């Protein structure tokens, strides 16, 4: 038996002894790799005379073809074995009873939004809904955010490459405040010319969009804006309304509320609203839940109302933030990942 025949048999034996594709590839490298035994034989041809080189080269090529054939055969055998195991594992036992369909449930954000609407509805607030693609005027200018003003960076959002008739760009609304303007304008038109106008009392829940993405922020999130405008509305009313809401939402009166001075272009004065639970895992920590303030006179004017006669307050709360606190979720992104293991907890 020649040395080449012995090498072929050695390769066939090693290939046959492998039990996984990875082992087979390692065995292949020992024979056909860059430093393999067949490769070394081919490199040795350079030292042979021309006549011997031709004959020896042909013999090595026959050897190489034989090893490659053995390699292909073993690859197929391993693949067939893997398929057989997979088919056996996935075999369907028709004698088993059928699996029942899982029951669905409302998404936790949907549940939170419905709860918010019900609570404010009990306090006489209407619910307004409107477009998520807004004009620059409703998203910013009408809210006392003029063009190129640095305050716009607080609500950096996504723009659509098209303009309205006035040459203003459309954008994905960064807050639901535009619905406050739309609702108030419609209300003002409805009662134009009358001596008395009923108070404006409305919330605007919905999806909003900003350039944010981390554990507590998402490019798409949910917000509820509230507006109460009349002839004699004060910060006292804002505190009473929000305290009633927050205690009802969390189903506890064991919490404190505080207003912290802040800045928003559409309210003056403005305040952040913080809450602190007196019991539970979040006990003793002040948590920011909303921005608020007395509606700026210019915004009142943009609503089509007389700021000398009408006054009111507005607030904006993140629904996702409230849901995180209510359900003990520490990463906002879990609400939008679609993981049924997470969502099934809220059935």
C-alpha atoms as a PDB file:
ATOM      1  CA  UNK A   1       0.000   0.000   0.000  1.00  0.00           C
ATOM      2  CA  UNK A   2       1.400   3.367  -1.030  1.00  0.00           C
ATOM      3  CA  UNK A   3       1.786   6.325   1.255  1.00  0.00           C
ATOM      4  CA  UNK A   4      -1.014   8.146  -0.594  1.00  0.00           C
ATOM      5  CA  UNK A   5      -3.412   5.240  -0.135  1.00  0.00           C
ATOM      6  CA  UNK A   6      -2.549   5.176   3.553  1.00  0.00           C
ATOM      7  CA  UNK A   7      -3.223   8.913   3.783  1.00  0.00           C
ATOM      8  CA  UNK A   8      -6.621   8.479   2.098  1.00  0.00           C
ATOM      9  CA  UNK A   9      -7.578   5.747   4.534  1.00  0.00           C
ATOM     10  CA  UNK A  10      -6.434   7.890   7.452  1.00  0.00           C
ATOM     11  CA  UNK A  11      -8.621  10.781   6.255  1.00  0.00           C
ATOM     12  CA  UNK A  12     -11.624   8.480   5.761  1.00  0.00           C
ATOM     13  CA  UNK A  13     -11.179   7.067   9.273  1.00  0.00           C
ATOM     14  CA  UNK A  14     -10.908  10.509  10.889  1.00  0.00           C
ATOM     15  CA  UNK A  15     -13.942  11.797   9.016  1.00  0.00           C
ATOM     16  CA  UNK A  16     -15.970   8.750  10.016  1.00  0.00           C
ATOM     17  CA  UNK A  17     -15.026   9.233  13.690  1.00  0.00           C
ATOM     18  CA  UNK A  18     -16.423  12.786  13.838  1.00  0.00           C
ATOM     19  CA  UNK A  19     -19.844  13.323  15.404  1.00  0.00           C
ATOM     20  CA  UNK A  20     -20.441  17.043  14.793  1.00  0.00           C
ATOM     21  CA  UNK A  21     -19.942  19.420  11.854  1.00  0.00           C
ATOM     22  CA  UNK A  22     -17.344  21.348  13.895  1.00  0.00           C
ATOM     23  CA  UNK A  23     -15.252  18.206  14.471  1.00  0.00           C
ATOM     24  CA  UNK A  24     -15.508  17.382  10.778  1.00  0.00           C
ATOM     25  CA  UNK A  25     -14.240  20.815   9.775  1.00  0.00           C
ATOM     26  CA  UNK A  26     -11.297  20.453  12.152  1.00  0.00           C
ATOM     27  CA  UNK A  27     -10.458  17.083  10.590  1.00  0.00           C
ATOM     28  CA  UNK A  28     -10.720  18.595   7.121  1.00  0.00           C
ATOM     29  CA  UNK A  29      -8.209  21.284   8.077  1.00  0.00           C
ATOM     30  CA  UNK A  30      -5.669  18.606   9.059  1.00  0.00           C
ATOM     31  CA  UNK A  31      -5.760  17.195   5.518  1.00  0.00           C
ATOM     32  CA  UNK A  32      -6.924  19.967   3.151  1.00  0.00           C
ATOM     33  CA  UNK A  33      -6.169  23.117   5.122  1.00  0.00           C
ATOM     34  CA  UNK A  34      -3.392  25.613   4.382  1.00  0.00           C
ATOM     35  CA  UNK A  35      -1.052  23.586   6.584  1.00  0.00           C
ATOM     36  CA  UNK A  36      -2.736  20.230   5.861  1.00  0.00           C
ATOM     37  CA  UNK A  37      -1.011  17.059   4.841  1.00  0.00           C
ATOM     38  CA  UNK A  38      -2.229  17.159   1.225  1.00  0.00           C
ATOM     39  CA  UNK A  39      -1.172  20.785   0.922  1.00  0.00           C
ATOM     40  CA  UNK A  40       2.300  19.887   2.176  1.00  0.00           C
ATOM     41  CA  UNK A  41       2.531  17.161  -0.484  1.00  0.00           C
ATOM     42  CA  UNK A  42       1.641  19.672  -3.177  1.00  0.00           C
ATOM     43  CA  UNK A  43       4.287  22.081  -1.903  1.00  0.00           C
ATOM     44  CA  UNK A  44       6.858  19.257  -2.097  1.00  0.00           C
ATOM     45  CA  UNK A  45       6.352  18.910  -5.865  1.00  0.00           C
ATOM     46  CA  UNK A  46       8.617  21.902  -6.419  1.00  0.00           C
ATOM     47  CA  UNK A  47      11.664  19.865  -5.384  1.00  0.00           C
ATOM     48  CA  UNK A  48      11.014  16.942  -7.821  1.00  0.00           C
ATOM     49  CA  UNK A  49      12.336  16.557 -11.360  1.00  0.00           C
ATOM     50  CA  UNK A  50       9.920  17.482 -14.125  1.00  0.00           C
ATOM     51  CA  UNK A  51       9.088  13.880 -15.108  1.00  0.00           C
ATOM     52  CA  UNK A  52       8.423  12.802 -11.532  1.00  0.00           C
ATOM     53  CA  UNK A  53       6.567  16.010 -10.754  1.00  0.00           C
ATOM     54  CA  UNK A  54       3.916  15.303 -13.401  1.00  0.00           C
ATOM     55  CA  UNK A  55       3.235  11.760 -12.263  1.00  0.00           C
ATOM     56  CA  UNK A  56       3.352  12.582  -8.569  1.00  0.00           C
ATOM     57  CA  UNK A  57       1.044  15.572  -9.066  1.00  0.00           C
ATOM     58  CA  UNK A  58      -1.561  13.410 -10.770  1.00  0.00           C
ATOM     59  CA  UNK A  59      -1.438  10.913  -7.895  1.00  0.00           C
ATOM     60  CA  UNK A  60      -1.869  13.685  -5.309  1.00  0.00           C
ATOM     61  CA  UNK A  61      -4.843  15.100  -7.223  1.00  0.00           C
ATOM     62  CA  UNK A  62      -6.484  11.650  -7.145  1.00  0.00           C
ATOM     63  CA  UNK A  63      -5.811  11.537  -3.405  1.00  0.00           C
ATOM     64  CA  UNK A  64      -7.301  15.017  -2.926  1.00  0.00           C
ATOM     65  CA  UNK A  65     -10.423  14.070  -4.878  1.00  0.00           C
ATOM     66  CA  UNK A  66     -10.832  10.958  -2.738  1.00  0.00           C
ATOM     67  CA  UNK A  67     -10.510  12.926   0.499  1.00  0.00           C
ATOM     68  CA  UNK A  68     -12.995  15.556  -0.728  1.00  0.00           C
ATOM     69  CA  UNK A  69     -15.461  12.824  -1.656  1.00  0.00           C
ATOM     70  CA  UNK A  70     -15.132  11.277   1.814  1.00  0.00           C
ATOM     71  CA  UNK A  71     -15.603  14.732   3.364  1.00  0.00           C
ATOM     72  CA  UNK A  72     -18.769  15.390   1.332  1.00  0.00           C
ATOM     73  CA  UNK A  73     -20.168  11.986   2.209  1.00  0.00           C
ATOM     74  CA  UNK A  74     -19.595  12.545   5.940  1.00  0.00           C
ATOM     75  CA  UNK A  75     -21.090  16.037   5.815  1.00  0.00           C
ATOM     76  CA  UNK A  76     -24.240  14.633   4.277  1.00  0.00           C
ATOM     77  CA  UNK A  77     -24.375  11.832   6.847  1.00  0.00           C
ATOM     78  CA  UNK A  78     -24.111  14.312   9.734  1.00  0.00           C
ATOM     79  CA  UNK A  79     -26.769  16.553   8.171  1.00  0.00           C
ATOM     80  CA  UNK A  80     -29.116  13.583   7.728  1.00  0.00           C
ATOM     81  CA  UNK A  81     -28.574  12.554  11.339  1.00  0.00           C
ATOM     82  CA  UNK A  82     -29.300  16.092  12.566  1.00  0.00           C
ATOM     83  CA  UNK A  83     -32.491  16.242  10.483  1.00  0.00           C
ATOM     84  CA  UNK A  84     -33.625  12.887  11.844  1.00  0.00           C
ATOM     85  CA  UNK A  85     -33.152  14.132  15.416  1.00  0.00           C
ATOM     86  CA  UNK A  86     -35.018  17.331  14.641  1.00  0.00           C
ATOM     87  CA  UNK A  87     -37.938  15.478  13.038  1.00  0.00           C
ATOM     88  CA  UNK A  88     -38.103  13.132  15.998  1.00  0.00           C
ATOM     89  CA  UNK A  89     -38.141  16.029  18.455  1.00  0.00           C
ATOM     90  CA  UNK A  90     -40.831  17.863  16.475  1.00  0.00           C
ATOM     91  CA  UNK A  91     -43.003  14.852  15.866  1.00  0.00           C
ATOM     92  CA  UNK A  92     -46.711  15.563  16.290  1.00  0.00           C
ATOM     93  CA  UNK A  93     -48.610  13.236  18.581  1.00  0.00           C
ATOM     94  CA  UNK A  94     -52.173  13.370  17.236  1.00  0.00           C
ATOM     95  CA  UNK A  95     -53.441  11.579  20.320  1.00  0.00           C
ATOM     96  CA  UNK A  96     -52.747  14.631  22.517  1.00  0.00           C
ATOM     97  CA  UNK A  97     -55.633  17.015  23.266  1.00  0.00           C
ATOM     98  CA  UNK A  98     -55.600  20.277  21.338  1.00  0.00           C
ATOM     99  CA  UNK A  99     -53.982  23.356  22.835  1.00  0.00           C
ATOM    100  CA  UNK A 100     -56.410  26.091  23.780  1.00  0.00           C
ATOM    101  CA  UNK A 101     -55.872  29.607  22.498  1.00  0.00           C
ATOM    102  CA  UNK A 102     -54.372  32.062  24.945  1.00  0.00           C
ATOM    103  CA  UNK A 103     -56.681  34.828  26.051  1.00  0.00           C
ATOM    104  CA  UNK A 104     -55.648  38.355  25.174  1.00  0.00           C
ATOM    105  CA  UNK A 105     -55.673  41.423  27.385  1.00  0.00           C
ATOM    106  CA  UNK A 106     -55.414  45.177  27.100  1.00  0.00           C
ATOM    107  CA  UNK A 107     -51.915  46.610  26.880  1.00  0.00           C
ATOM    108  CA  UNK A 108     -50.844  48.272  30.167  1.00  0.00           C
ATOM    109  CA  UNK A 109     -50.577  51.654  28.414  1.00  0.00           C
ATOM    110  CA  UNK A 110     -54.114  51.247  27.065  1.00  0.00           C
ATOM    111  CA  UNK A 111     -55.297  50.359  30.569  1.00  0.00           C
ATOM    112  CA  UNK A 112     -53.551  53.397  32.030  1.00  0.00           C
ATOM    113  CA  UNK A 113     -54.988  55.697  29.362  1.00  0.00           C
ATOM    114  CA  UNK A 114     -58.531  54.403  29.926  1.00  0.00           C
ATOM    115  CA  UNK A 115     -58.094  54.906  33.669  1.00  0.00           C
ATOM    116  CA  UNK A 116     -56.920  58.504  33.156  1.00  0.00           C
ATOM    117  CA  UNK A 117     -59.867  59.300  30.878  1.00  0.00           C
ATOM    118  CA  UNK A 118     -62.324  57.841  33.386  1.00  0.00           C
ATOM    119  CA  UNK A 119     -60.875  59.809  36.309  1.00  0.00           C
ATOM    120  CA  UNK A 120     -60.878  63.148  34.494  1.00  0.00           C
ATOM    121  CA  UNK A 121     -64.282  62.370  33.012  1.00  0.00           C
ATOM    122  CA  UNK A 122     -65.625  62.101  36.548  1.00  0.00           C
ATOM    123  CA  UNK A 123     -64.326  65.651  37.137  1.00  0.00           C
ATOM    124  CA  UNK A 124     -66.144  67.036  34.083  1.00  0.00           C
ATOM    125  CA  UNK A 125     -63.292  67.002  31.560  1.00  0.00           C
ATOM    126  CA  UNK A 126     -63.917  66.201  27.899  1.00  0.00           C
ATOM    127  CA  UNK A 127     -61.503  63.958  25.978  1.00  0.00           C
ATOM    128  CA  UNK A 128     -60.061  65.408  22.756  1.00  0.00           C
ATOM    129  CA  UNK A 129     -58.304  63.503  20.008  1.00  0.00           C
ATOM    130  CA  UNK A 130     -56.543  64.834  16.932  1.00  0.00           C
ATOM    131  CA  UNK A 131     -53.827  64.411  14.294  1.00  0.00           C
ATOM    132  CA  UNK A 132     -50.402  63.044  15.185  1.00  0.00           C
ATOM    133  CA  UNK A 133     -48.872  64.848  12.174  1.00  0.00           C
ATOM    134  CA  UNK A 134     -49.164  68.543  12.976  1.00  0.00           C
ATOM    135  CA  UNK A 135     -48.178  71.851  11.467  1.00  0.00           C
ATOM    136  CA  UNK A 136     -45.347  73.833  12.922  1.00  0.00           C
ATOM    137  CA  UNK A 137     -47.824  76.472  14.067  1.00  0.00           C
ATOM    138  CA  UNK A 138     -49.922  74.158  16.248  1.00  0.00           C
ATOM    139  CA  UNK A 139     -46.892  72.283  17.597  1.00  0.00           C
ATOM    140  CA  UNK A 140     -44.830  75.347  18.491  1.00  0.00           C
ATOM    141  CA  UNK A 141     -45.831  78.855  17.407  1.00  0.00           C
ATOM    142  CA  UNK A 142     -49.346  78.787  18.871  1.00  0.00           C
ATOM    143  CA  UNK A 143     -47.795  77.652  22.156  1.00  0.00           C
ATOM    144  CA  UNK A 144     -45.600  80.743  22.381  1.00  0.00           C
ATOM    145  CA  UNK A 145     -42.616  78.925  20.843  1.00  0.00           C
ATOM    146  CA  UNK A 146     -41.549  81.196  17.940  1.00  0.00           C
ATOM    147  CA  UNK A 147     -39.302  79.997  15.137  1.00  0.00           C
ATOM    148  CA  UNK A 148     -35.601  79.574  16.008  1.00  0.00           C
ATOM    149  CA  UNK A 149     -36.332  80.022  19.716  1.00  0.00           C
ATOM    150  CA  UNK A 150     -34.016  77.845  21.875  1.00  0.00           C
ATOM    151  CA  UNK A 151     -36.990  76.611  23.908  1.00  0.00           C
ATOM    152  CA  UNK A 152     -37.980  74.475  20.916  1.00  0.00           C
ATOM    153  CA  UNK A 153     -35.058  72.182  21.660  1.00  0.00           C
ATOM    154  CA  UNK A 154     -36.987  70.996  24.737  1.00  0.00           C
ATOM    155  CA  UNK A 155     -39.356  69.205  22.348  1.00  0.00           C
ATOM    156  CA  UNK A 156     -36.972  68.236  19.538  1.00  0.00           C
ATOM    157  CA  UNK A 157     -39.104  66.110  17.226  1.00  0.00           C
ATOM    158  CA  UNK A 158     -39.291  64.534  13.746  1.00  0.00           C
ATOM    159  CA  UNK A 159     -40.199  66.580  10.681  1.00  0.00           C
ATOM    160  CA  UNK A 160     -42.003  65.544   7.507  1.00  0.00           C
ATOM    161  CA  UNK A 161     -40.558  66.771   4.213  1.00  0.00           C
ATOM    162  CA  UNK A 162     -43.670  68.680   3.162  1.00  0.00           C
ATOM    163  CA  UNK A 163     -45.218  72.051   3.956  1.00  0.00           C
ATOM    164  CA  UNK A 164     -48.701  73.449   4.497  1.00  0.00           C
ATOM    165  CA  UNK A 165     -50.215  76.275   2.471  1.00  0.00           C
ATOM    166  CA  UNK A 166     -48.431  78.823   4.661  1.00  0.00           C
ATOM    167  CA  UNK A 167     -45.026  77.276   3.961  1.00  0.00           C
ATOM    168  CA  UNK A 168     -44.732  75.743   7.422  1.00  0.00           C
ATOM    169  CA  UNK A 169     -43.315  72.279   7.834  1.00  0.00           C
ATOM    170  CA  UNK A 170     -45.307  69.371   9.190  1.00  0.00           C
ATOM    171  CA  UNK A 171     -43.934  67.365  12.094  1.00  0.00           C
ATOM    172  CA  UNK A 172     -44.796  64.473  14.356  1.00  0.00           C
ATOM    173  CA  UNK A 173     -46.318  66.248  17.332  1.00  0.00           C
ATOM    174  CA  UNK A 174     -43.891  66.461  20.280  1.00  0.00           C
ATOM    175  CA  UNK A 175     -46.787  66.764  22.771  1.00  0.00           C
ATOM    176  CA  UNK A 176     -50.575  66.678  22.684  1.00  0.00           C
ATOM    177  CA  UNK A 177     -50.743  70.419  23.430  1.00  0.00           C
ATOM    178  CA  UNK A 178     -51.825  71.183  19.828  1.00  0.00           C
ATOM    179  CA  UNK A 179     -55.161  69.561  20.683  1.00  0.00           C
ATOM    180  CA  UNK A 180     -55.613  72.102  23.469  1.00  0.00           C
ATOM    181  CA  UNK A 181     -55.311  74.878  20.880  1.00  0.00           C
ATOM    182  CA  UNK A 182     -57.608  73.133  18.387  1.00  0.00           C
ATOM    183  CA  UNK A 183     -60.234  72.359  21.020  1.00  0.00           C
ATOM    184  CA  UNK A 184     -60.143  75.857  22.516  1.00  0.00           C
ATOM    185  CA  UNK A 185     -60.373  77.515  19.080  1.00  0.00           C
ATOM    186  CA  UNK A 186     -63.416  75.419  18.181  1.00  0.00           C
ATOM    187  CA  UNK A 187     -64.957  76.240  21.564  1.00  0.00           C
ATOM    188  CA  UNK A 188     -64.326  79.964  21.088  1.00  0.00           C
ATOM    189  CA  UNK A 189     -65.885  79.912  17.605  1.00  0.00           C
ATOM    190  CA  UNK A 190     -68.913  78.011  18.892  1.00  0.00           C
ATOM    191  CA  UNK A 191     -69.682  80.697  21.465  1.00  0.00           C
ATOM    192  CA  UNK A 192     -68.441  83.751  19.538  1.00  0.00           C
ATOM    193  CA  UNK A 193     -70.662  86.798  20.034  1.00  0.00           C
ATOM    194  CA  UNK A 194     -72.353  85.389  23.151  1.00  0.00           C
ATOM    195  CA  UNK A 195     -72.131  87.080  26.521  1.00  0.00           C
ATOM    196  CA  UNK A 196     -71.205  83.903  28.319  1.00  0.00           C
ATOM    197  CA  UNK A 197     -68.903  81.088  27.260  1.00  0.00           C
ATOM    198  CA  UNK A 198     -68.848  77.817  29.233  1.00  0.00           C
ATOM    199  CA  UNK A 199     -65.496  76.917  30.729  1.00  0.00           C
ATOM    200  CA  UNK A 200     -63.045  74.907  28.647  1.00  0.00           C
ATOM    201  CA  UNK A 201     -62.262  71.703  30.515  1.00  0.00           C
ATOM    202  CA  UNK A 202     -60.495  69.059  28.410  1.00  0.00           C
ATOM    203  CA  UNK A 203     -57.744  66.448  28.398  1.00  0.00           C
ATOM    204  CA  UNK A 204     -55.871  65.305  25.282  1.00  0.00           C
ATOM    205  CA  UNK A 205     -54.289  61.842  25.609  1.00  0.00           C
ATOM    206  CA  UNK A 206     -52.363  60.258  22.759  1.00  0.00           C
ATOM    207  CA  UNK A 207     -49.087  59.323  21.097  1.00  0.00           C
ATOM    208  CA  UNK A 208     -46.292  61.854  20.802  1.00  0.00           C
ATOM    209  CA  UNK A 209     -42.803  61.819  19.295  1.00  0.00           C
ATOM    210  CA  UNK A 210     -39.404  63.178  20.338  1.00  0.00           C
ATOM    211  CA  UNK A 211     -35.750  62.396  19.668  1.00  0.00           C
ATOM    212  CA  UNK A 212     -35.235  60.447  22.911  1.00  0.00           C
ATOM    213  CA  UNK A 213     -34.334  56.811  23.581  1.00  0.00           C
ATOM    214  CA  UNK A 214     -33.224  55.363  26.923  1.00  0.00           C
ATOM    215  CA  UNK A 215     -34.646  53.449  29.908  1.00  0.00           C
ATOM    216  CA  UNK A 216     -37.096  56.253  30.747  1.00  0.00           C
ATOM    217  CA  UNK A 217     -37.604  57.828  27.291  1.00  0.00           C
ATOM    218  CA  UNK A 218     -38.754  56.530  23.921  1.00  0.00           C
ATOM    219  CA  UNK A 219     -38.922  58.162  20.451  1.00  0.00           C
ATOM    220  CA  UNK A 220     -42.649  57.415  20.594  1.00  0.00           C
ATOM    221  CA  UNK A 221     -44.434  57.792  23.908  1.00  0.00           C
ATOM    222  CA  UNK A 222     -47.851  58.651  25.318  1.00  0.00           C
ATOM    223  CA  UNK A 223     -48.866  61.878  26.959  1.00  0.00           C
ATOM    224  CA  UNK A 224     -51.987  63.400  28.453  1.00  0.00           C
ATOM    225  CA  UNK A 225     -52.393  67.171  28.395  1.00  0.00           C
ATOM    226  CA  UNK A 226     -55.015  68.891  30.514  1.00  0.00           C
ATOM    227  CA  UNK A 227     -56.562  72.343  30.097  1.00  0.00           C
ATOM    228  CA  UNK A 228     -59.039  74.287  32.204  1.00  0.00           C
ATOM    229  CA  UNK A 229     -59.844  77.837  31.084  1.00  0.00           C
ATOM    230  CA  UNK A 230     -62.493  80.119  32.512  1.00  0.00           C
ATOM    231  CA  UNK A 231     -62.946  83.540  34.044  1.00  0.00           C
ATOM    232  CA  UNK A 232     -61.682  82.678  37.513  1.00  0.00           C
ATOM    233  CA  UNK A 233     -59.354  79.640  37.429  1.00  0.00           C
ATOM    234  CA  UNK A 234     -56.298  79.644  39.684  1.00  0.00           C
ATOM    235  CA  UNK A 235     -53.345  77.518  40.782  1.00  0.00           C
ATOM    236  CA  UNK A 236     -55.549  76.378  43.675  1.00  0.00           C
ATOM    237  CA  UNK A 237     -57.790  74.632  41.138  1.00  0.00           C
ATOM    238  CA  UNK A 238     -54.781  73.058  39.422  1.00  0.00           C
ATOM    239  CA  UNK A 239     -53.536  71.627  42.715  1.00  0.00           C
ATOM    240  CA  UNK A 240     -56.968  70.300  43.669  1.00  0.00           C
ATOM    241  CA  UNK A 241     -57.581  68.693  40.267  1.00  0.00           C
ATOM    242  CA  UNK A 242     -54.170  67.071  40.018  1.00  0.00           C
ATOM    243  CA  UNK A 243     -54.225  65.832  43.609  1.00  0.00           C
ATOM    244  CA  UNK A 244     -57.634  64.243  43.009  1.00  0.00           C
ATOM    245  CA  UNK A 245     -56.349  62.656  39.826  1.00  0.00           C
ATOM    246  CA  UNK A 246     -53.108  61.276  41.222  1.00  0.00           C
ATOM    247  CA  UNK A 247     -54.709  59.776  44.333  1.00  0.00           C
ATOM    248  CA  UNK A 248     -57.398  58.117  42.206  1.00  0.00           C
ATOM    249  CA  UNK A 249     -54.884  56.842  39.652  1.00  0.00           C
ATOM    250  CA  UNK A 250     -52.656  55.204  42.273  1.00  0.00           C
ATOM    251  CA  UNK A 251     -55.614  54.317  44.515  1.00  0.00           C
ATOM    252  CA  UNK A 252     -54.000  55.806  47.601  1.00  0.00           C
ATOM    253  CA  UNK A 253     -54.066  59.027  49.550  1.00  0.00           C
ATOM    254  CA  UNK A 254     -50.750  58.142  51.165  1.00  0.00           C
ATOM    255  CA  UNK A 255     -48.778  60.517  48.969  1.00  0.00           C
ATOM    256  CA  UNK A 256     -47.661  64.118  48.912  1.00  0.00           C
ATOM    257  CA  UNK A 257     -47.749  66.610  46.056  1.00  0.00           C
ATOM    258  CA  UNK A 258     -45.377  69.513  45.486  1.00  0.00           C
ATOM    259  CA  UNK A 259     -44.952  72.210  42.826  1.00  0.00           C
ATOM    260  CA  UNK A 260     -41.387  73.049  41.847  1.00  0.00           C
ATOM    261  CA  UNK A 261     -40.709  76.304  39.878  1.00  0.00           C
ATOM    262  CA  UNK A 262     -39.780  75.632  36.261  1.00  0.00           C
ATOM    263  CA  UNK A 263     -40.003  77.153  32.788  1.00  0.00           C
ATOM    264  CA  UNK A 264     -42.302  76.365  29.873  1.00  0.00           C
ATOM    265  CA  UNK A 265     -42.924  78.893  27.089  1.00  0.00           C
ATOM    266  CA  UNK A 266     -46.667  78.198  27.039  1.00  0.00           C
ATOM    267  CA  UNK A 267     -47.305  78.793  30.762  1.00  0.00           C
ATOM    268  CA  UNK A 268     -46.425  81.615  33.154  1.00  0.00           C
ATOM    269  CA  UNK A 269     -45.786  80.934  35.965  1.00  0.00           C
ATOM    270  CA  UNK A 270     -44.705  77.324  35.382  1.00  0.00           C
ATOM    271  CA  UNK A 271     -44.030  74.421  37.717  1.00  0.00           C
ATOM    272  CA  UNK A 272     -42.980  70.789  37.702  1.00  0.00           C
ATOM    273  CA  UNK A 273     -45.289  68.534  39.692  1.00  0.00           C
ATOM    274  CA  UNK A 274     -43.617  65.946  41.933  1.00  0.00           C
ATOM    275  CA  UNK A 275     -45.192  63.247  44.072  1.00  0.00           C
ATOM    276  CA  UNK A 276     -43.831  61.256  47.004  1.00  0.00           C
ATOM    277  CA  UNK A 277     -45.381  58.028  48.266  1.00  0.00           C
ATOM    278  CA  UNK A 278     -45.593  57.580  52.029  1.00  0.00           C
ATOM    279  CA  UNK A 279     -45.490  53.794  51.802  1.00  0.00           C
ATOM    280  CA  UNK A 280     -44.415  51.047  49.388  1.00  0.00           C
ATOM    281  CA  UNK A 281     -41.152  50.471  47.478  1.00  0.00           C
ATOM    282  CA  UNK A 282     -40.949  54.125  46.340  1.00  0.00           C
ATOM    283  CA  UNK A 283     -41.512  55.543  49.824  1.00  0.00           C
ATOM    284  CA  UNK A 284     -39.716  58.812  50.562  1.00  0.00           C
ATOM    285  CA  UNK A 285     -38.577  59.597  46.998  1.00  0.00           C
ATOM    286  CA  UNK A 286     -39.789  62.674  45.131  1.00  0.00           C
ATOM    287  CA  UNK A 287     -40.781  61.626  41.604  1.00  0.00           C
ATOM    288  CA  UNK A 288     -41.450  64.050  38.756  1.00  0.00           C
ATOM    289  CA  UNK A 289     -44.759  63.226  37.047  1.00  0.00           C
ATOM    290  CA  UNK A 290     -45.894  66.359  35.209  1.00  0.00           C
ATOM    291  CA  UNK A 291     -45.214  69.849  33.964  1.00  0.00           C
ATOM    292  CA  UNK A 292     -47.825  72.516  34.599  1.00  0.00           C
ATOM    293  CA  UNK A 293     -48.590  76.195  34.880  1.00  0.00           C
ATOM    294  CA  UNK A 294     -50.959  79.064  34.280  1.00  0.00           C
ATOM    295  CA  UNK A 295     -51.651  79.387  30.557  1.00  0.00           C
ATOM    296  CA  UNK A 296     -49.569  82.194  29.024  1.00  0.00           C
ATOM    297  CA  UNK A 297     -51.647  85.195  27.849  1.00  0.00           C
ATOM    298  CA  UNK A 298     -50.274  84.830  24.313  1.00  0.00           C
ATOM    299  CA  UNK A 299     -51.466  81.219  24.197  1.00  0.00           C
ATOM    300  CA  UNK A 300     -54.898  82.351  25.430  1.00  0.00           C
ATOM    301  CA  UNK A 301     -54.890  84.898  22.617  1.00  0.00           C
ATOM    302  CA  UNK A 302     -53.924  82.210  20.058  1.00  0.00           C
ATOM    303  CA  UNK A 303     -56.921  80.188  21.254  1.00  0.00           C
ATOM    304  CA  UNK A 304     -59.121  83.055  20.097  1.00  0.00           C
ATOM    305  CA  UNK A 305     -59.886  84.262  23.609  1.00  0.00           C
ATOM    306  CA  UNK A 306     -59.349  87.522  25.455  1.00  0.00           C
ATOM    307  CA  UNK A 307     -56.494  87.086  27.990  1.00  0.00           C
ATOM    308  CA  UNK A 308     -57.887  90.040  29.961  1.00  0.00           C
ATOM    309  CA  UNK A 309     -61.045  88.048  30.637  1.00  0.00           C
ATOM    310  CA  UNK A 310     -60.020  84.392  30.532  1.00  0.00           C
ATOM    311  CA  UNK A 311     -57.417  82.603  32.580  1.00  0.00           C
ATOM    312  CA  UNK A 312     -56.620  78.968  33.192  1.00  0.00           C
ATOM    313  CA  UNK A 313     -54.094  76.252  33.821  1.00  0.00           C
ATOM    314  CA  UNK A 314     -52.547  73.454  31.786  1.00  0.00           C
ATOM    315  CA  UNK A 315     -50.538  70.373  32.607  1.00  0.00           C
ATOM    316  CA  UNK A 316     -48.842  67.589  30.706  1.00  0.00           C
ATOM    317  CA  UNK A 317     -48.097  64.127  32.117  1.00  0.00           C
ATOM    318  CA  UNK A 318     -46.363  61.130  30.575  1.00  0.00           C
ATOM    319  CA  UNK A 319     -48.805  58.231  30.543  1.00  0.00           C
ATOM    320  CA  UNK A 320     -45.942  55.744  30.200  1.00  0.00           C
ATOM    321  CA  UNK A 321     -44.237  57.287  33.234  1.00  0.00           C
ATOM    322  CA  UNK A 322     -47.415  56.993  35.301  1.00  0.00           C
ATOM    323  CA  UNK A 323     -47.870  53.387  34.160  1.00  0.00           C
ATOM    324  CA  UNK A 324     -44.266  52.580  35.119  1.00  0.00           C
ATOM    325  CA  UNK A 325     -44.898  53.867  38.638  1.00  0.00           C
ATOM    326  CA  UNK A 326     -48.268  52.127  38.969  1.00  0.00           C
ATOM    327  CA  UNK A 327     -47.034  48.731  37.767  1.00  0.00           C
ATOM    328  CA  UNK A 328     -43.458  48.842  39.099  1.00  0.00           C
ATOM    329  CA  UNK A 329     -41.757  48.796  35.677  1.00  0.00           C
ATOM    330  CA  UNK A 330     -38.201  50.172  35.586  1.00  0.00           C
ATOM    331  CA  UNK A 331     -37.591  50.291  31.814  1.00  0.00           C
ATOM    332  CA  UNK A 332     -39.984  52.174  29.537  1.00  0.00           C
ATOM    333  CA  UNK A 333     -38.902  50.162  26.494  1.00  0.00           C
ATOM    334  CA  UNK A 334     -40.518  47.008  27.876  1.00  0.00           C
ATOM    335  CA  UNK A 335     -43.916  48.511  27.062  1.00  0.00           C
ATOM    336  CA  UNK A 336     -43.036  48.565  23.343  1.00  0.00           C
ATOM    337  CA  UNK A 337     -40.904  45.413  22.877  1.00  0.00           C
ATOM    338  CA  UNK A 338     -43.959  43.191  22.374  1.00  0.00           C
ATOM    339  CA  UNK A 339     -42.608  40.496  24.712  1.00  0.00           C
ATOM    340  CA  UNK A 340     -45.625  38.384  25.708  1.00  0.00           C
ATOM    341  CA  UNK A 341     -43.830  37.191  28.833  1.00  0.00           C
ATOM    342  CA  UNK A 342     -43.882  40.792  30.042  1.00  0.00           C
ATOM    343  CA  UNK A 343     -47.307  41.785  28.744  1.00  0.00           C
ATOM    344  CA  UNK A 344     -49.070  38.664  30.059  1.00  0.00           C
ATOM    345  CA  UNK A 345     -48.482  39.908  33.616  1.00  0.00           C
ATOM    346  CA  UNK A 346     -51.166  42.564  33.062  1.00  0.00           C
ATOM    347  CA  UNK A 347     -54.055  40.251  32.181  1.00  0.00           C
END
